[in-house]
């Protein structure tokens, strides 16, 4: 059972050879390498492309066409010759009109269509596209901060497991030394064999805890690797678990990214409602065209056209219903924004209270740890003098382990709750930009 410290040493050797990983480096690595955030960046690019597409709605549509034909259909044949600018008197002969010879032609055309007025739909669609693109960008910033919080949890979870592993190694070493001492007393006939069995059972329990902590180490480092977009992290962690200070008094410098996204979505919904209402209004458009139809490269006709048109569907029940639905969506977006702001205020209050409570627990845990260390020292000394039973010493050691666990958990809670407070306030987590 003495192989556990050796195993820990073998695990520590490759860790020591790797470049130390700081918390800020882990966060930045996740922002650049994690597949989930890369997918979010692709969504941002998609929204930007859609916004550019909406920008193009105000531009004219230009089309070009080319065609060739051969026909003896009477009306088509007469029209083709007319467009080719080669109608003659013989073409008005009834026999020729009724039964024309097959005629061939080729030509092409150019057209331009420009919307002049569309009931505000074009400008509303352009603005909605811009707002949705900005909303997606803000949502991506929020996703980055949420990943940063997850990094904080995994990073310091790994540090807690590392420290717990070191402490359980100390406990095992202490139990082995105690076992040698008790064995010597049993061999001398001074103590009962049950005392040796008791200390062996204590050491076995500590070794089992060590195996469980090793599993927690692997799990935490694997999770950290997943969040940073790679394999399980094996590098030593260089950012200390001890918090540099509390952020309880922070107020945040700007509105949270998710609230910005919700506000932009509400504005986009308002523009969508405006566009839907525009479907009930008339449309005015300009169309320009030019074409040619030729009998040969040097023989043919050409023409130009220009028109301004108005179209108004005076009764359009589907569009009216769409306008009602868009108005309801706008109200829903605004109510959701209001709820998210209330939720954000609740999260800030809750996070502040959690930071305050964790800070208080750390002070109590430090005092409990100091008392437990002193208690174990005194009981161990009195036990070796034969003044206390072994059970008292083992109880003191168990109390020391509990105090260490409480301190580690309190330090972890404080660091994570400070990160949650940063997230709730909309400030950069751990100050990482």
Protein backbone atom coordinates (compact mmCIF):
# COMPACT_ATOMS: atom_id res chain seq x y z
CA UNK A 1 0.00 0.00 0.00
CA UNK A 2 3.03 2.27 -0.14
CA UNK A 3 2.78 2.61 -3.91
CA UNK A 4 0.30 5.52 -3.84
CA UNK A 5 2.84 8.28 -3.09
CA UNK A 6 5.10 6.79 -5.78
CA UNK A 7 2.20 6.82 -8.22
CA UNK A 8 1.52 10.45 -7.37
CA UNK A 9 5.18 11.23 -8.03
CA UNK A 10 5.03 9.52 -11.43
CA UNK A 11 1.93 11.53 -12.28
CA UNK A 12 3.58 14.76 -11.18
CA UNK A 13 6.69 14.25 -13.35
CA UNK A 14 5.04 14.90 -16.72
CA UNK A 15 3.01 17.73 -15.20
CA UNK A 16 6.14 19.46 -14.07
CA UNK A 17 7.65 19.18 -17.52
CA UNK A 18 4.75 21.01 -19.18
CA UNK A 19 4.41 24.78 -19.49
CA UNK A 20 2.29 26.18 -16.61
CA UNK A 21 -1.25 27.17 -17.58
CA UNK A 22 -2.76 30.32 -16.06
CA UNK A 23 -6.48 30.89 -15.72
CA UNK A 24 -6.43 33.82 -18.17
CA UNK A 25 -4.58 31.71 -20.75
CA UNK A 26 -7.14 28.93 -20.33
CA UNK A 27 -10.00 31.38 -20.89
CA UNK A 28 -8.40 32.92 -23.97
CA UNK A 29 -7.57 29.49 -25.34
CA UNK A 30 -11.21 28.45 -25.03
CA UNK A 31 -12.36 31.60 -26.85
CA UNK A 32 -10.14 30.81 -29.82
CA UNK A 33 -10.18 27.00 -29.94
CA UNK A 34 -13.45 25.67 -28.53
CA UNK A 35 -15.69 24.20 -31.21
CA UNK A 36 -18.88 25.46 -29.55
CA UNK A 37 -17.68 29.07 -29.64
CA UNK A 38 -16.45 28.62 -33.20
CA UNK A 39 -19.99 27.60 -34.11
CA UNK A 40 -21.20 30.80 -32.42
CA UNK A 41 -18.77 32.87 -34.50
CA UNK A 42 -20.16 31.22 -37.63
CA UNK A 43 -23.66 32.27 -36.52
CA UNK A 44 -22.44 35.85 -36.12
CA UNK A 45 -21.00 35.77 -39.64
CA UNK A 46 -24.28 34.34 -40.92
CA UNK A 47 -26.27 37.17 -39.34
CA UNK A 48 -23.89 39.75 -40.79
CA UNK A 49 -24.29 38.25 -44.25
CA UNK A 50 -28.07 38.36 -43.86
CA UNK A 51 -27.86 42.01 -42.80
CA UNK A 52 -25.83 42.81 -45.93
CA UNK A 53 -28.46 41.01 -47.99
CA UNK A 54 -31.15 43.24 -46.48
CA UNK A 55 -29.01 46.28 -47.27
CA UNK A 56 -29.23 45.26 -50.92
CA UNK A 57 -33.02 45.58 -50.97
CA UNK A 58 -32.79 49.29 -51.74
CA UNK A 59 -30.54 48.71 -54.76
CA UNK A 60 -31.93 48.22 -58.27
CA UNK A 61 -32.29 44.76 -59.75
CA UNK A 62 -30.55 44.45 -63.11
CA UNK A 63 -31.31 41.54 -65.42
CA UNK A 64 -30.04 40.41 -68.80
CA UNK A 65 -31.49 37.85 -71.14
CA UNK A 66 -30.57 36.28 -74.48
CA UNK A 67 -32.72 34.07 -76.65
CA UNK A 68 -33.14 32.52 -80.04
CA UNK A 69 -36.31 31.25 -81.74
CA UNK A 70 -37.86 29.84 -84.88
CA UNK A 71 -41.64 29.86 -85.40
CA UNK A 72 -44.40 29.85 -88.01
CA UNK A 73 -47.18 30.73 -85.58
CA UNK A 74 -48.93 33.64 -87.35
CA UNK A 75 -49.00 36.18 -84.55
CA UNK A 76 -45.51 35.33 -83.36
CA UNK A 77 -44.08 35.44 -86.88
CA UNK A 78 -45.58 38.88 -87.55
CA UNK A 79 -44.38 40.17 -84.17
CA UNK A 80 -40.87 38.83 -84.71
CA UNK A 81 -40.56 40.59 -88.07
CA UNK A 82 -41.95 43.76 -86.50
CA UNK A 83 -39.39 43.65 -83.70
CA UNK A 84 -36.70 43.01 -86.27
CA UNK A 85 -37.76 46.24 -88.01
CA UNK A 86 -38.30 44.53 -91.39
CA UNK A 87 -42.06 44.64 -91.96
CA UNK A 88 -42.91 45.31 -95.63
CA UNK A 89 -46.08 45.70 -97.64
CA UNK A 90 -46.06 42.03 -98.61
CA UNK A 91 -46.22 41.11 -94.95
CA UNK A 92 -49.82 42.48 -94.89
CA UNK A 93 -50.91 40.05 -97.57
CA UNK A 94 -53.65 37.90 -95.95
CA UNK A 95 -52.12 34.73 -97.34
CA UNK A 96 -48.77 35.62 -95.77
CA UNK A 97 -50.42 36.64 -92.53
CA UNK A 98 -52.48 33.47 -92.30
CA UNK A 99 -49.76 31.03 -93.33
CA UNK A 100 -46.34 32.61 -92.80
CA UNK A 101 -43.14 30.85 -93.55
CA UNK A 102 -41.09 29.79 -90.55
CA UNK A 103 -38.94 32.65 -89.35
CA UNK A 104 -35.87 32.62 -87.14
CA UNK A 105 -34.58 35.31 -84.82
CA UNK A 106 -32.15 35.90 -81.99
CA UNK A 107 -31.81 38.75 -79.59
CA UNK A 108 -31.58 39.86 -75.99
CA UNK A 109 -32.57 42.46 -73.49
CA UNK A 110 -31.54 44.41 -70.44
CA UNK A 111 -33.90 45.37 -67.62
CA UNK A 112 -33.64 47.45 -64.47
CA UNK A 113 -36.20 47.44 -61.66
CA UNK A 114 -36.02 49.99 -58.86
CA UNK A 115 -38.46 50.02 -55.92
CA UNK A 116 -39.46 53.59 -55.13
CA UNK A 117 -41.85 53.02 -52.22
CA UNK A 118 -42.83 49.81 -50.42
CA UNK A 119 -44.73 51.03 -47.39
CA UNK A 120 -41.58 51.21 -45.29
CA UNK A 121 -40.88 47.49 -45.63
CA UNK A 122 -37.46 47.92 -47.20
CA UNK A 123 -36.04 50.29 -44.57
CA UNK A 124 -37.63 48.21 -41.78
CA UNK A 125 -36.13 44.99 -43.13
CA UNK A 126 -32.70 46.62 -43.44
CA UNK A 127 -32.85 47.90 -39.87
CA UNK A 128 -34.15 44.57 -38.52
CA UNK A 129 -31.28 42.74 -40.25
CA UNK A 130 -28.73 45.10 -38.73
CA UNK A 131 -30.25 44.74 -35.26
CA UNK A 132 -30.35 40.95 -35.46
CA UNK A 133 -26.69 40.88 -36.50
CA UNK A 134 -25.78 43.06 -33.52
CA UNK A 135 -27.91 40.87 -31.26
CA UNK A 136 -26.07 37.74 -32.39
CA UNK A 137 -22.74 39.46 -31.76
CA UNK A 138 -23.86 40.36 -28.22
CA UNK A 139 -25.11 36.80 -27.69
CA UNK A 140 -21.70 35.50 -28.72
CA UNK A 141 -20.03 37.77 -26.16
CA UNK A 142 -22.36 36.38 -23.52
CA UNK A 143 -21.53 32.82 -24.59
CA UNK A 144 -17.84 33.62 -24.20
CA UNK A 145 -18.40 34.86 -20.66
CA UNK A 146 -20.47 31.78 -19.80
CA UNK A 147 -17.63 29.60 -21.07
CA UNK A 148 -15.21 31.68 -18.99
CA UNK A 149 -17.32 30.91 -15.89
CA UNK A 150 -17.20 27.21 -16.76
CA UNK A 151 -13.41 27.52 -17.14
CA UNK A 152 -13.18 29.06 -13.66
CA UNK A 153 -15.19 26.18 -12.21
CA UNK A 154 -13.13 23.49 -13.97
CA UNK A 155 -9.76 25.21 -13.40
CA UNK A 156 -10.18 25.71 -9.68
CA UNK A 157 -11.94 22.36 -9.38
CA UNK A 158 -8.71 20.82 -10.68
CA UNK A 159 -6.67 22.91 -8.24
CA UNK A 160 -8.86 21.77 -5.34
CA UNK A 161 -8.36 18.16 -6.41
CA UNK A 162 -4.59 18.72 -6.66
CA UNK A 163 -4.42 20.19 -3.16
CA UNK A 164 -6.69 17.51 -1.76
CA UNK A 165 -4.44 14.89 -3.33
CA UNK A 166 -1.39 16.45 -1.68
CA UNK A 167 -3.12 16.52 1.70
CA UNK A 168 -4.33 12.94 1.45
CA UNK A 169 -0.74 11.97 0.65
CA UNK A 170 0.29 13.63 3.91
CA UNK A 171 -2.47 11.76 5.72
CA UNK A 172 -1.30 8.43 4.29
CA UNK A 173 2.29 9.17 5.27
CA UNK A 174 1.12 10.14 8.78
CA UNK A 175 -0.94 6.94 9.04
CA UNK A 176 2.02 4.81 7.93
CA UNK A 177 4.24 6.44 10.57
CA UNK A 178 1.53 5.94 13.19
CA UNK A 179 1.17 2.32 12.10
CA UNK A 180 4.91 1.70 12.64
CA UNK A 181 4.74 3.30 16.07
CA UNK A 182 1.68 1.27 17.11
CA UNK A 183 3.17 -1.96 15.70
CA UNK A 184 6.28 -1.45 17.82
CA UNK A 185 4.15 -1.00 20.94
CA UNK A 186 2.07 -4.11 20.09
CA UNK A 187 5.23 -6.16 19.51
CA UNK A 188 6.45 -5.05 22.93
CA UNK A 189 3.18 -6.23 24.43
CA UNK A 190 2.31 -2.75 25.62
CA UNK A 191 -0.83 -2.33 23.43
CA UNK A 192 -3.52 -4.64 22.13
CA UNK A 193 -3.45 -5.89 18.50
CA UNK A 194 -6.81 -4.19 18.01
CA UNK A 195 -5.00 -0.85 18.13
CA UNK A 196 -2.88 -1.90 15.15
CA UNK A 197 -5.98 -3.08 13.28
CA UNK A 198 -7.63 0.28 13.94
CA UNK A 199 -4.75 2.32 12.52
CA UNK A 200 -4.51 -0.02 9.51
CA UNK A 201 -8.18 0.53 8.80
CA UNK A 202 -7.63 4.30 9.02
CA UNK A 203 -4.76 4.10 6.51
CA UNK A 204 -6.85 1.97 4.14
CA UNK A 205 -9.63 4.55 4.28
CA UNK A 206 -7.15 7.33 3.45
CA UNK A 207 -5.79 5.33 0.51
CA UNK A 208 -9.32 4.82 -0.80
CA UNK A 209 -9.88 8.58 -0.53
CA UNK A 210 -6.66 9.11 -2.45
CA UNK A 211 -7.88 6.90 -5.29
CA UNK A 212 -11.17 8.80 -5.42
CA UNK A 213 -9.35 12.14 -5.46
CA UNK A 214 -7.16 10.93 -8.32
CA UNK A 215 -10.34 10.18 -10.26
CA UNK A 216 -11.60 13.69 -9.49
CA UNK A 217 -8.30 15.12 -10.72
CA UNK A 218 -8.61 13.30 -14.04
CA UNK A 219 -12.25 14.32 -14.42
CA UNK A 220 -11.54 17.98 -13.68
CA UNK A 221 -8.58 18.15 -16.05
CA UNK A 222 -10.52 16.34 -18.76
CA UNK A 223 -13.37 18.84 -18.38
CA UNK A 224 -10.91 21.73 -18.52
CA UNK A 225 -9.45 20.29 -21.70
CA UNK A 226 -12.91 19.98 -23.23
CA UNK A 227 -13.67 23.62 -22.43
CA UNK A 228 -10.37 24.84 -23.85
CA UNK A 229 -10.90 22.87 -27.05
CA UNK A 230 -8.28 20.17 -26.60
CA UNK A 231 -7.21 17.06 -24.75
CA UNK A 232 -7.18 16.74 -20.94
CA UNK A 233 -4.97 19.45 -19.44
CA UNK A 234 -1.78 18.00 -17.97
CA UNK A 235 0.11 21.25 -17.39
CA UNK A 236 0.52 22.59 -13.85
CA UNK A 237 -1.99 25.31 -12.96
CA UNK A 238 -0.28 28.57 -12.09
CA UNK A 239 -3.19 30.77 -10.91
CA UNK A 240 -3.61 30.35 -7.14
CA UNK A 241 -6.95 29.31 -5.70
CA UNK A 242 -6.69 32.06 -3.09
CA UNK A 243 -8.82 34.97 -4.30
CA UNK A 244 -7.01 38.33 -4.68
CA UNK A 245 -10.08 40.20 -3.48
CA UNK A 246 -13.85 40.35 -3.39
CA UNK A 247 -16.04 41.94 -6.04
CA UNK A 248 -19.08 42.35 -3.77
CA UNK A 249 -19.18 46.10 -4.25
CA UNK A 250 -18.96 46.02 -8.06
CA UNK A 251 -21.76 47.55 -10.11
CA UNK A 252 -20.72 46.75 -13.68
CA UNK A 253 -19.63 49.27 -16.28
CA UNK A 254 -22.17 48.43 -18.97
CA UNK A 255 -25.33 46.45 -19.60
CA UNK A 256 -24.81 42.72 -19.77
CA UNK A 257 -24.29 41.27 -23.22
CA UNK A 258 -27.36 39.05 -22.97
CA UNK A 259 -29.48 42.07 -22.02
CA UNK A 260 -28.01 43.97 -24.96
CA UNK A 261 -28.97 41.04 -27.19
CA UNK A 262 -32.51 40.98 -25.78
CA UNK A 263 -32.89 44.75 -26.26
CA UNK A 264 -31.68 44.49 -29.85
CA UNK A 265 -34.07 41.60 -30.49
CA UNK A 266 -36.95 43.72 -29.16
CA UNK A 267 -35.95 46.54 -31.50
CA UNK A 268 -35.71 44.08 -34.39
CA UNK A 269 -39.19 42.79 -33.56
CA UNK A 270 -40.48 46.37 -33.68
CA UNK A 271 -38.97 46.77 -37.14
CA UNK A 272 -40.52 43.44 -38.16
CA UNK A 273 -43.91 44.73 -37.05
CA UNK A 274 -43.34 47.88 -39.06
CA UNK A 275 -42.44 45.82 -42.14
CA UNK A 276 -45.57 43.68 -41.69
CA UNK A 277 -47.75 46.79 -41.53
CA UNK A 278 -46.08 47.97 -44.73
CA UNK A 279 -47.55 44.95 -46.50
CA UNK A 280 -50.95 46.67 -46.26
CA UNK A 281 -49.70 49.80 -48.06
CA UNK A 282 -49.20 50.41 -51.80
CA UNK A 283 -45.97 49.70 -53.68
CA UNK A 284 -44.47 51.98 -56.31
CA UNK A 285 -41.71 50.87 -58.63
CA UNK A 286 -39.74 51.99 -61.67
CA UNK A 287 -38.79 49.67 -64.51
CA UNK A 288 -36.46 50.44 -67.40
CA UNK A 289 -35.72 48.12 -70.27
CA UNK A 290 -33.91 47.80 -73.60
CA UNK A 291 -34.03 44.97 -76.10
CA UNK A 292 -33.13 43.85 -79.57
CA UNK A 293 -34.33 41.15 -81.98
CA UNK A 294 -32.20 40.44 -85.01
CA UNK A 295 -32.45 38.66 -88.32
CA UNK A 296 -28.66 38.77 -88.69
CA UNK A 297 -25.81 40.46 -86.91
CA UNK A 298 -26.21 43.52 -89.11
CA UNK A 299 -29.99 43.47 -89.55
CA UNK A 300 -32.48 43.85 -86.71
CA UNK A 301 -34.52 46.12 -84.52
CA UNK A 302 -34.13 47.48 -81.04
CA UNK A 303 -36.26 49.35 -78.51
CA UNK A 304 -36.33 50.89 -75.02
CA UNK A 305 -39.04 51.17 -72.38
CA UNK A 306 -39.66 53.02 -69.12
CA UNK A 307 -42.58 52.64 -66.75
CA UNK A 308 -43.67 53.58 -63.26
CA UNK A 309 -46.25 51.35 -61.64
CA UNK A 310 -48.35 51.25 -58.46
CA UNK A 311 -49.73 48.10 -56.90
CA UNK A 312 -52.05 48.10 -53.90
CA UNK A 313 -53.95 45.13 -52.58
CA UNK A 314 -56.92 46.88 -51.02
CA UNK A 315 -58.12 43.73 -49.27
CA UNK A 316 -55.43 41.31 -48.10
CA UNK A 317 -56.51 39.27 -45.11
CA UNK A 318 -53.29 37.17 -44.86
CA UNK A 319 -51.14 40.31 -44.70
CA UNK A 320 -53.42 41.81 -42.06
CA UNK A 321 -53.07 38.70 -39.93
CA UNK A 322 -49.31 38.74 -40.41
CA UNK A 323 -49.25 42.33 -39.17
CA UNK A 324 -51.18 41.28 -36.04
CA UNK A 325 -48.78 38.39 -35.43
CA UNK A 326 -45.75 40.68 -35.83
CA UNK A 327 -47.24 43.14 -33.34
CA UNK A 328 -47.71 40.31 -30.84
CA UNK A 329 -44.10 39.20 -31.39
CA UNK A 330 -42.96 42.76 -30.68
CA UNK A 331 -44.88 42.79 -27.38
CA UNK A 332 -43.44 39.38 -26.47
CA UNK A 333 -39.88 40.57 -27.14
CA UNK A 334 -40.35 43.65 -24.96
CA UNK A 335 -41.88 41.63 -22.12
CA UNK A 336 -39.02 39.13 -22.36
CA UNK A 337 -36.53 42.00 -22.14
CA UNK A 338 -38.26 43.27 -19.01
CA UNK A 339 -38.19 39.81 -17.44
CA UNK A 340 -34.51 39.29 -18.28
CA UNK A 341 -33.63 42.59 -16.64
CA UNK A 342 -35.48 41.55 -13.49
CA UNK A 343 -33.76 38.18 -13.61
CA UNK A 344 -30.38 39.87 -13.98
CA UNK A 345 -31.02 42.02 -10.91
CA UNK A 346 -31.93 38.87 -8.95
CA UNK A 347 -28.74 37.13 -10.12
CA UNK A 348 -26.63 40.08 -8.97
CA UNK A 349 -28.21 40.05 -5.51
CA UNK A 350 -27.82 36.28 -5.22
CA UNK A 351 -24.19 36.35 -6.38
CA UNK A 352 -23.29 39.13 -3.92
CA UNK A 353 -24.85 37.20 -1.05
CA UNK A 354 -22.94 34.07 -2.10
CA UNK A 355 -19.63 35.95 -2.18
CA UNK A 356 -20.30 37.39 1.28
CA UNK A 357 -21.21 33.98 2.69
CA UNK A 358 -18.15 32.30 1.13
CA UNK A 359 -15.88 34.99 2.57
CA UNK A 360 -17.31 34.38 6.03
CA UNK A 361 -16.91 30.63 5.67
CA UNK A 362 -13.24 31.05 4.77
CA UNK A 363 -12.55 32.89 8.02
CA UNK A 364 -14.33 30.18 10.01
CA UNK A 365 -12.54 27.43 8.06
CA UNK A 366 -9.11 28.95 8.75
CA UNK A 367 -9.83 29.06 12.47
CA UNK A 368 -11.17 25.51 12.40
CA UNK A 369 -8.04 24.33 10.53
CA UNK A 370 -5.70 25.97 13.03
CA UNK A 371 -7.62 24.45 15.92
CA UNK A 372 -7.64 21.01 14.30
CA UNK A 373 -3.90 21.10 13.63
CA UNK A 374 -3.16 22.06 17.22
CA UNK A 375 -5.58 19.45 18.56
CA UNK A 376 -3.95 16.68 16.54
CA UNK A 377 -0.48 17.75 17.64
CA UNK A 378 -1.43 17.73 21.32
CA UNK A 379 -3.35 14.45 21.15
CA UNK A 380 -0.58 12.73 19.23
CA UNK A 381 2.00 13.84 21.79
CA UNK A 382 -0.14 12.67 24.72
CA UNK A 383 -0.90 9.40 22.94
CA UNK A 384 2.78 8.63 22.52
CA UNK A 385 3.19 9.24 26.24
CA UNK A 386 0.41 6.75 26.88
CA UNK A 387 -1.99 9.36 28.20
CA UNK A 388 -4.64 9.14 25.45
CA UNK A 389 -6.10 6.20 23.51
CA UNK A 390 -5.41 5.85 19.80
CA UNK A 391 -9.04 6.53 18.95
CA UNK A 392 -8.65 10.12 20.22
CA UNK A 393 -5.71 10.68 17.88
CA UNK A 394 -7.53 9.23 14.86
CA UNK A 395 -10.53 11.41 15.64
CA UNK A 396 -8.25 14.45 15.70
CA UNK A 397 -6.77 13.47 12.33
CA UNK A 398 -10.27 13.02 10.87
CA UNK A 399 -11.23 16.45 12.21
CA UNK A 400 -8.13 17.92 10.55
CA UNK A 401 -9.12 16.38 7.22
CA UNK A 402 -12.61 17.82 7.60
CA UNK A 403 -11.21 21.29 8.33
CA UNK A 404 -8.96 21.08 5.27
CA UNK A 405 -11.90 20.04 3.11
CA UNK A 406 -14.00 22.91 4.46
CA UNK A 407 -11.25 25.43 3.70
CA UNK A 408 -10.75 24.13 0.17
CA UNK A 409 -14.47 24.15 -0.54
CA UNK A 410 -14.83 27.67 0.87
CA UNK A 411 -11.94 29.01 -1.22
CA UNK A 412 -13.42 27.34 -4.30
CA UNK A 413 -16.89 28.73 -3.57
CA UNK A 414 -15.54 32.24 -3.16
CA UNK A 415 -13.61 32.16 -6.45
CA UNK A 416 -16.52 30.68 -8.41
CA UNK A 417 -19.08 33.01 -6.83
CA UNK A 418 -16.91 36.01 -7.66
CA UNK A 419 -16.90 34.81 -11.27
CA UNK A 420 -20.68 34.42 -11.13
CA UNK A 421 -20.95 37.96 -9.81
CA UNK A 422 -18.82 39.20 -12.71
CA UNK A 423 -21.13 37.35 -15.09
CA UNK A 424 -24.22 38.79 -13.42
CA UNK A 425 -22.80 42.33 -13.55
CA UNK A 426 -21.62 42.00 -17.13
CA UNK A 427 -17.97 42.66 -16.25
CA UNK A 428 -15.12 40.55 -17.66
CA UNK A 429 -14.69 37.39 -15.63
CA UNK A 430 -11.39 37.43 -13.74
CA UNK A 431 -10.69 40.66 -15.66
CA UNK A 432 -9.91 38.73 -18.86
CA UNK A 433 -10.76 40.78 -21.95
